[in-house]
C-alpha cells in the first residue's frame, strides 16, 4: 500500500497490510508501528545511508535505472 506519510501508513498497517510504501519519506522518520516499510522517492546513492536501519525494510531507488541504456530488440510471432 502506497502512502504519503508515516501517519497515513498506520491505517493500512492496522488493516493487515504486509508492507507499506512511503513516498518521499524523510530520513529517520519513526516507523516503529509498521510491520514493514519501503522508502522511495528522491533517494539517491548519496542519501541512501540515511535510510538504512531497522525502521526501513526495503529501499527503492529509480536512479539505478534512469541512466541505464535501452536495448533495441524486436519480437516476431
PDB file of N, CA and C in Angstrom:
ATOM      1  N   UNK A   1       0.853  -1.168   0.000  1.00  0.00           N
ATOM      2  CA  UNK A   1       0.000   0.000   0.000  1.00  0.00           C
ATOM      3  C   UNK A   1       0.898   1.229   0.000  1.00  0.00           C
ATOM      4  N   UNK A   2       0.647   2.171  -0.905  1.00  0.00           N
ATOM      5  CA  UNK A   2       1.455   3.389  -1.002  1.00  0.00           C
ATOM      6  C   UNK A   2       0.822   4.496  -0.173  1.00  0.00           C
ATOM      7  N   UNK A   3       1.629   5.150   0.646  1.00  0.00           N
ATOM      8  CA  UNK A   3       1.166   6.250   1.494  1.00  0.00           C
ATOM      9  C   UNK A   3       2.126   7.424   1.369  1.00  0.00           C
ATOM     10  N   UNK A   4       1.615   8.614   1.656  1.00  0.00           N
ATOM     11  CA  UNK A   4       2.446   9.810   1.540  1.00  0.00           C
ATOM     12  C   UNK A   4       3.031  10.269   2.867  1.00  0.00           C
ATOM     13  N   UNK A   5       2.641   9.627   3.972  1.00  0.00           N
ATOM     14  CA  UNK A   5       3.210   9.995   5.271  1.00  0.00           C
ATOM     15  C   UNK A   5       3.158   8.800   6.213  1.00  0.00           C
ATOM     16  N   UNK A   6       3.988   8.850   7.243  1.00  0.00           N
ATOM     17  CA  UNK A   6       4.012   7.770   8.228  1.00  0.00           C
ATOM     18  C   UNK A   6       2.696   7.702   8.986  1.00  0.00           C
ATOM     19  N   UNK A   7       2.073   8.838   9.242  1.00  0.00           N
ATOM     20  CA  UNK A   7       0.782   8.845   9.939  1.00  0.00           C
ATOM     21  C   UNK A   7      -0.295   8.148   9.118  1.00  0.00           C
ATOM     22  N   UNK A   8      -0.326   8.421   7.813  1.00  0.00           N
ATOM     23  CA  UNK A   8      -1.316   7.789   6.940  1.00  0.00           C
ATOM     24  C   UNK A   8      -1.045   6.299   6.774  1.00  0.00           C
ATOM     25  N   UNK A   9       0.174   5.871   6.982  1.00  0.00           N
ATOM     26  CA  UNK A   9       0.533   4.459   6.825  1.00  0.00           C
ATOM     27  C   UNK A   9      -0.010   3.595   7.951  1.00  0.00           C
ATOM     28  N   UNK A  10      -0.380   4.193   9.058  1.00  0.00           N
ATOM     29  CA  UNK A  10      -0.900   3.417  10.182  1.00  0.00           C
ATOM     30  C   UNK A  10      -2.238   2.766   9.858  1.00  0.00           C
ATOM     31  N   UNK A  11      -3.045   3.380   8.993  1.00  0.00           N
ATOM     32  CA  UNK A  11      -4.355   2.824   8.646  1.00  0.00           C
ATOM     33  C   UNK A  11      -4.217   1.495   7.906  1.00  0.00           C
ATOM     34  N   UNK A  12      -3.495   1.427   6.776  1.00  0.00           N
ATOM     35  CA  UNK A  12      -3.361   0.126   6.111  1.00  0.00           C
ATOM     36  C   UNK A  12      -2.582  -0.885   6.950  1.00  0.00           C
ATOM     37  N   UNK A  13      -1.629  -0.416   7.732  1.00  0.00           N
ATOM     38  CA  UNK A  13      -0.885  -1.341   8.594  1.00  0.00           C
ATOM     39  C   UNK A  13      -1.817  -1.961   9.619  1.00  0.00           C
ATOM     40  N   UNK A  14      -2.711  -1.164  10.180  1.00  0.00           N
ATOM     41  CA  UNK A  14      -3.676  -1.674  11.143  1.00  0.00           C
ATOM     42  C   UNK A  14      -4.709  -2.593  10.520  1.00  0.00           C
ATOM     43  N   UNK A  15      -4.927  -2.444   9.209  1.00  0.00           N
ATOM     44  CA  UNK A  15      -5.886  -3.289   8.500  1.00  0.00           C
ATOM     45  C   UNK A  15      -5.256  -4.578   7.989  1.00  0.00           C
ATOM     46  N   UNK A  16      -3.962  -4.765   8.247  1.00  0.00           N
ATOM     47  CA  UNK A  16      -3.321  -6.019   7.876  1.00  0.00           C
ATOM     48  C   UNK A  16      -2.398  -5.978   6.679  1.00  0.00           C
ATOM     49  N   UNK A  17      -2.055  -4.796   6.176  1.00  0.00           N
ATOM     50  CA  UNK A  17      -1.123  -4.717   5.044  1.00  0.00           C
ATOM     51  C   UNK A  17       0.226  -5.315   5.436  1.00  0.00           C
ATOM     52  N   UNK A  18       0.803  -6.097   4.538  1.00  0.00           N
ATOM     53  CA  UNK A  18       2.097  -6.729   4.808  1.00  0.00           C
ATOM     54  C   UNK A  18       3.244  -5.728   4.781  1.00  0.00           C
ATOM     55  N   UNK A  19       3.168  -4.764   3.871  1.00  0.00           N
ATOM     56  CA  UNK A  19       4.222  -3.757   3.731  1.00  0.00           C
ATOM     57  C   UNK A  19       3.580  -2.450   3.279  1.00  0.00           C
ATOM     58  N   UNK A  20       4.144  -1.347   3.726  1.00  0.00           N
ATOM     59  CA  UNK A  20       3.643  -0.026   3.362  1.00  0.00           C
ATOM     60  C   UNK A  20       4.765   0.725   2.657  1.00  0.00           C
ATOM     61  N   UNK A  21       4.476   1.251   1.454  1.00  0.00           N
ATOM     62  CA  UNK A  21       5.440   2.028   0.688  1.00  0.00           C
ATOM     63  C   UNK A  21       5.230   3.497   1.023  1.00  0.00           C
ATOM     64  N   UNK A  22       6.276   4.140   1.490  1.00  0.00           N
ATOM     65  CA  UNK A  22       6.205   5.547   1.872  1.00  0.00           C
ATOM     66  C   UNK A  22       6.963   6.379   0.853  1.00  0.00           C
ATOM     67  N   UNK A  23       6.237   7.192   0.107  1.00  0.00           N
ATOM     68  CA  UNK A  23       6.815   8.014  -0.948  1.00  0.00           C
ATOM     69  C   UNK A  23       7.336   9.320  -0.362  1.00  0.00           C
ATOM     70  N   UNK A  24       8.559   9.681  -0.731  1.00  0.00           N
ATOM     71  CA  UNK A  24       9.209  10.912  -0.253  1.00  0.00           C
ATOM     72  C   UNK A  24       9.300  10.970   1.265  1.00  0.00           C
ATOM     73  N   UNK A  25       9.654   9.869   1.859  1.00  0.00           N
ATOM     74  CA  UNK A  25       9.806   9.758   3.306  1.00  0.00           C
ATOM     75  C   UNK A  25      11.044  10.516   3.768  1.00  0.00           C
ATOM     76  N   UNK A  26      10.927  11.197   4.888  1.00  0.00           N
ATOM     77  CA  UNK A  26      12.085  11.875   5.473  1.00  0.00           C
ATOM     78  C   UNK A  26      12.993  10.835   6.125  1.00  0.00           C
ATOM     79  N   UNK A  27      14.307  10.995   6.015  1.00  0.00           N
ATOM     80  CA  UNK A  27      15.219  10.047   6.664  1.00  0.00           C
ATOM     81  C   UNK A  27      14.978   9.999   8.170  1.00  0.00           C
ATOM     82  N   UNK A  28      15.124   8.820   8.713  1.00  0.00           N
ATOM     83  CA  UNK A  28      14.986   8.592  10.160  1.00  0.00           C
ATOM     84  C   UNK A  28      13.596   8.921  10.696  1.00  0.00           C
ATOM     85  N   UNK A  29      12.600   8.864   9.850  1.00  0.00           N
ATOM     86  CA  UNK A  29      11.224   9.073  10.285  1.00  0.00           C
ATOM     87  C   UNK A  29      10.819   7.893  11.166  1.00  0.00           C
ATOM     88  N   UNK A  30      10.196   8.119  12.329  1.00  0.00           N
ATOM     89  CA  UNK A  30       9.833   6.999  13.208  1.00  0.00           C
ATOM     90  C   UNK A  30       8.736   6.126  12.597  1.00  0.00           C
ATOM     91  N   UNK A  31       9.029   4.852  12.444  1.00  0.00           N
ATOM     92  CA  UNK A  31       8.092   3.913  11.817  1.00  0.00           C
ATOM     93  C   UNK A  31       7.911   2.650  12.650  1.00  0.00           C
ATOM     94  N   UNK A  32       8.037   2.733  13.944  1.00  0.00           N
ATOM     95  CA  UNK A  32       8.031   1.545  14.777  1.00  0.00           C
ATOM     96  C   UNK A  32       6.695   0.802  14.764  1.00  0.00           C
ATOM     97  N   UNK A  33       5.597   1.443  14.380  1.00  0.00           N
ATOM     98  CA  UNK A  33       4.291   0.792  14.405  1.00  0.00           C
ATOM     99  C   UNK A  33       3.926   0.111  13.094  1.00  0.00           C
ATOM    100  N   UNK A  34       4.846   0.063  12.137  1.00  0.00           N
ATOM    101  CA  UNK A  34       4.568  -0.559  10.847  1.00  0.00           C
ATOM    102  C   UNK A  34       5.179  -1.951  10.786  1.00  0.00           C
ATOM    103  N   UNK A  35       4.459  -2.921  10.187  1.00  0.00           N
ATOM    104  CA  UNK A  35       5.016  -4.275  10.076  1.00  0.00           C
ATOM    105  C   UNK A  35       6.252  -4.314   9.181  1.00  0.00           C
ATOM    106  N   UNK A  36       6.206  -3.588   8.074  1.00  0.00           N
ATOM    107  CA  UNK A  36       7.340  -3.479   7.155  1.00  0.00           C
ATOM    108  C   UNK A  36       7.154  -2.194   6.358  1.00  0.00           C
ATOM    109  N   UNK A  37       8.259  -1.503   6.101  1.00  0.00           N
ATOM    110  CA  UNK A  37       8.178  -0.222   5.406  1.00  0.00           C
ATOM    111  C   UNK A  37       9.163  -0.184   4.250  1.00  0.00           C
ATOM    112  N   UNK A  38       8.702   0.358   3.113  1.00  0.00           N
ATOM    113  CA  UNK A  38       9.548   0.579   1.943  1.00  0.00           C
ATOM    114  C   UNK A  38       9.628   2.079   1.699  1.00  0.00           C
ATOM    115  N   UNK A  39      10.829   2.600   1.562  1.00  0.00           N
ATOM    116  CA  UNK A  39      11.036   4.019   1.289  1.00  0.00           C
ATOM    117  C   UNK A  39      11.352   4.204  -0.187  1.00  0.00           C
ATOM    118  N   UNK A  40      10.781   5.237  -0.791  1.00  0.00           N
ATOM    119  CA  UNK A  40      11.065   5.545  -2.190  1.00  0.00           C
ATOM    120  C   UNK A  40      10.867   7.034  -2.409  1.00  0.00           C
ATOM    121  N   UNK A  41      11.314   7.515  -3.539  1.00  0.00           N
ATOM    122  CA  UNK A  41      11.101   8.905  -3.906  1.00  0.00           C
ATOM    123  C   UNK A  41      12.227   9.814  -3.469  1.00  0.00           C
ATOM    124  N   UNK A  42      13.061  10.204  -4.398  1.00  0.00           N
ATOM    125  CA  UNK A  42      14.124  11.152  -4.106  1.00  0.00           C
ATOM    126  C   UNK A  42      15.339  10.569  -3.415  1.00  0.00           C
ATOM    127  N   UNK A  43      15.401   9.264  -3.284  1.00  0.00           N
ATOM    128  CA  UNK A  43      16.553   8.633  -2.639  1.00  0.00           C
ATOM    129  C   UNK A  43      17.619   8.388  -3.705  1.00  0.00           C
ATOM    130  N   UNK A  44      18.818   8.884  -3.460  1.00  0.00           N
ATOM    131  CA  UNK A  44      19.948   8.688  -4.368  1.00  0.00           C
ATOM    132  C   UNK A  44      21.064   8.000  -3.591  1.00  0.00           C
ATOM    133  N   UNK A  45      22.099   7.584  -4.293  1.00  0.00           N
ATOM    134  CA  UNK A  45      23.180   6.853  -3.626  1.00  0.00           C
ATOM    135  C   UNK A  45      23.784   7.645  -2.473  1.00  0.00           C
ATOM    136  N   UNK A  46      23.892   8.960  -2.617  1.00  0.00           N
ATOM    137  CA  UNK A  46      24.469   9.783  -1.560  1.00  0.00           C
ATOM    138  C   UNK A  46      23.618   9.865  -0.305  1.00  0.00           C
ATOM    139  N   UNK A  47      22.298   9.771  -0.451  1.00  0.00           N
ATOM    140  CA  UNK A  47      21.415   9.850   0.720  1.00  0.00           C
ATOM    141  C   UNK A  47      21.008   8.479   1.251  1.00  0.00           C
ATOM    142  N   UNK A  48      21.387   7.419   0.565  1.00  0.00           N
ATOM    143  CA  UNK A  48      20.997   6.069   0.976  1.00  0.00           C
ATOM    144  C   UNK A  48      21.357   5.736   2.422  1.00  0.00           C
ATOM    145  N   UNK A  49      22.555   6.057   2.919  1.00  0.00           N
ATOM    146  CA  UNK A  49      22.880   5.704   4.312  1.00  0.00           C
ATOM    147  C   UNK A  49      21.909   6.279   5.342  1.00  0.00           C
ATOM    148  N   UNK A  50      21.272   7.391   5.033  1.00  0.00           N
ATOM    149  CA  UNK A  50      20.312   7.988   5.959  1.00  0.00           C
ATOM    150  C   UNK A  50      19.051   7.143   6.114  1.00  0.00           C
ATOM    151  N   UNK A  51      18.785   6.266   5.154  1.00  0.00           N
ATOM    152  CA  UNK A  51      17.575   5.447   5.181  1.00  0.00           C
ATOM    153  C   UNK A  51      17.842   4.027   5.678  1.00  0.00           C
ATOM    154  N   UNK A  52      19.089   3.691   5.940  1.00  0.00           N
ATOM    155  CA  UNK A  52      19.417   2.342   6.383  1.00  0.00           C
ATOM    156  C   UNK A  52      19.212   2.219   7.882  1.00  0.00           C
ATOM    157  N   UNK A  53      18.657   1.115   8.302  1.00  0.00           N
ATOM    158  CA  UNK A  53      18.426   0.883   9.722  1.00  0.00           C
ATOM    159  C   UNK A  53      17.207   0.005   9.926  1.00  0.00           C
ATOM    160  N   UNK A  54      16.861  -0.259  11.163  1.00  0.00           N
ATOM    161  CA  UNK A  54      15.762  -1.189  11.444  1.00  0.00           C
ATOM    162  C   UNK A  54      14.377  -0.637  11.105  1.00  0.00           C
ATOM    163  N   UNK A  55      14.262   0.659  10.862  1.00  0.00           N
ATOM    164  CA  UNK A  55      12.951   1.249  10.591  1.00  0.00           C
ATOM    165  C   UNK A  55      12.522   1.103   9.134  1.00  0.00           C
ATOM    166  N   UNK A  56      13.459   0.873   8.213  1.00  0.00           N
ATOM    167  CA  UNK A  56      13.161   0.699   6.791  1.00  0.00           C
ATOM    168  C   UNK A  56      13.585  -0.704   6.382  1.00  0.00           C
ATOM    169  N   UNK A  57      12.679  -1.430   5.744  1.00  0.00           N
ATOM    170  CA  UNK A  57      12.963  -2.808   5.341  1.00  0.00           C
ATOM    171  C   UNK A  57      13.355  -2.921   3.871  1.00  0.00           C
ATOM    172  N   UNK A  58      12.868  -1.994   3.035  1.00  0.00           N
ATOM    173  CA  UNK A  58      13.141  -2.011   1.597  1.00  0.00           C
ATOM    174  C   UNK A  58      13.356  -0.565   1.144  1.00  0.00           C
ATOM    175  N   UNK A  59      14.331  -0.358   0.254  1.00  0.00           N
ATOM    176  CA  UNK A  59      14.563   0.965  -0.329  1.00  0.00           C
ATOM    177  C   UNK A  59      14.484   0.829  -1.843  1.00  0.00           C
ATOM    178  N   UNK A  60      13.678   1.673  -2.480  1.00  0.00           N
ATOM    179  CA  UNK A  60      13.572   1.702  -3.940  1.00  0.00           C
ATOM    180  C   UNK A  60      14.221   2.984  -4.440  1.00  0.00           C
ATOM    181  N   UNK A  61      15.104   2.827  -5.431  1.00  0.00           N
ATOM    182  CA  UNK A  61      15.818   3.986  -5.969  1.00  0.00           C
ATOM    183  C   UNK A  61      15.727   3.971  -7.490  1.00  0.00           C
ATOM    184  N   UNK A  62      14.999   4.911  -8.054  1.00  0.00           N
ATOM    185  CA  UNK A  62      14.862   4.991  -9.504  1.00  0.00           C
ATOM    186  C   UNK A  62      16.167   5.390 -10.173  1.00  0.00           C
ATOM    187  N   UNK A  63      17.077   6.009  -9.423  1.00  0.00           N
ATOM    188  CA  UNK A  63      18.346   6.442 -10.020  1.00  0.00           C
ATOM    189  C   UNK A  63      19.154   5.249 -10.535  1.00  0.00           C
ATOM    190  N   UNK A  64      18.834   4.057 -10.086  1.00  0.00           N
ATOM    191  CA  UNK A  64      19.549   2.868 -10.563  1.00  0.00           C
ATOM    192  C   UNK A  64      19.190   2.529 -12.002  1.00  0.00           C
ATOM    193  N   UNK A  65      17.988   2.902 -12.439  1.00  0.00           N
ATOM    194  CA  UNK A  65      17.552   2.553 -13.792  1.00  0.00           C
ATOM    195  C   UNK A  65      17.447   3.752 -14.726  1.00  0.00           C
ATOM    196  N   UNK A  66      17.433   4.965 -14.207  1.00  0.00           N
ATOM    197  CA  UNK A  66      17.270   6.143 -15.063  1.00  0.00           C
ATOM    198  C   UNK A  66      18.403   6.304 -16.061  1.00  0.00           C
ATOM    199  N   UNK A  67      19.608   5.934 -15.716  1.00  0.00           N
ATOM    200  CA  UNK A  67      20.735   6.101 -16.620  1.00  0.00           C
ATOM    201  C   UNK A  67      21.082   4.846 -17.404  1.00  0.00           C
ATOM    202  N   UNK A  68      20.301   3.798 -17.245  1.00  0.00           N
ATOM    203  CA  UNK A  68      20.598   2.538 -17.933  1.00  0.00           C
ATOM    204  C   UNK A  68      20.287   2.669 -19.422  1.00  0.00           C
ATOM    205  N   UNK A  69      21.174   2.159 -20.270  1.00  0.00           N
ATOM    206  CA  UNK A  69      20.905   2.234 -21.707  1.00  0.00           C
ATOM    207  C   UNK A  69      19.774   1.286 -22.093  1.00  0.00           C
ATOM    208  N   UNK A  70      19.069   1.638 -23.150  1.00  0.00           N
ATOM    209  CA  UNK A  70      17.978   0.786 -23.620  1.00  0.00           C
ATOM    210  C   UNK A  70      18.525  -0.279 -24.564  1.00  0.00           C
ATOM    211  N   UNK A  71      17.763  -1.319 -24.735  1.00  0.00           N
ATOM    212  CA  UNK A  71      18.127  -2.415 -25.628  1.00  0.00           C
ATOM    213  C   UNK A  71      17.131  -2.419 -26.779  1.00  0.00           C
ATOM    214  N   UNK A  72      17.623  -2.349 -27.988  1.00  0.00           N
ATOM    215  CA  UNK A  72      16.764  -2.351 -29.166  1.00  0.00           C
ATOM    216  C   UNK A  72      16.555  -3.797 -29.602  1.00  0.00           C
ATOM    217  N   UNK A  73      15.315  -4.266 -29.510  1.00  0.00           N
ATOM    218  CA  UNK A  73      15.038  -5.635 -29.941  1.00  0.00           C
ATOM    219  C   UNK A  73      13.635  -5.701 -30.533  1.00  0.00           C
ATOM    220  N   UNK A  74      13.388  -6.748 -31.308  1.00  0.00           N
ATOM    221  CA  UNK A  74      12.079  -6.968 -31.915  1.00  0.00           C
ATOM    222  C   UNK A  74      11.680  -8.418 -31.695  1.00  0.00           C
ATOM    223  N   UNK A  75      10.396  -8.639 -31.645  1.00  0.00           N
ATOM    224  CA  UNK A  75       9.861  -9.985 -31.447  1.00  0.00           C
ATOM    225  C   UNK A  75       8.920 -10.291 -32.600  1.00  0.00           C
ATOM    226  N   UNK A  76       9.193 -11.366 -33.304  1.00  0.00           N
ATOM    227  CA  UNK A  76       8.311 -11.776 -34.392  1.00  0.00           C
ATOM    228  C   UNK A  76       7.517 -12.983 -33.929  1.00  0.00           C
ATOM    229  N   UNK A  77       6.217 -12.905 -34.124  1.00  0.00           N
ATOM    230  CA  UNK A  77       5.332 -14.002 -33.710  1.00  0.00           C
ATOM    231  C   UNK A  77       4.760 -14.661 -34.930  1.00  0.00           C
TER     232      UNK A  77
END
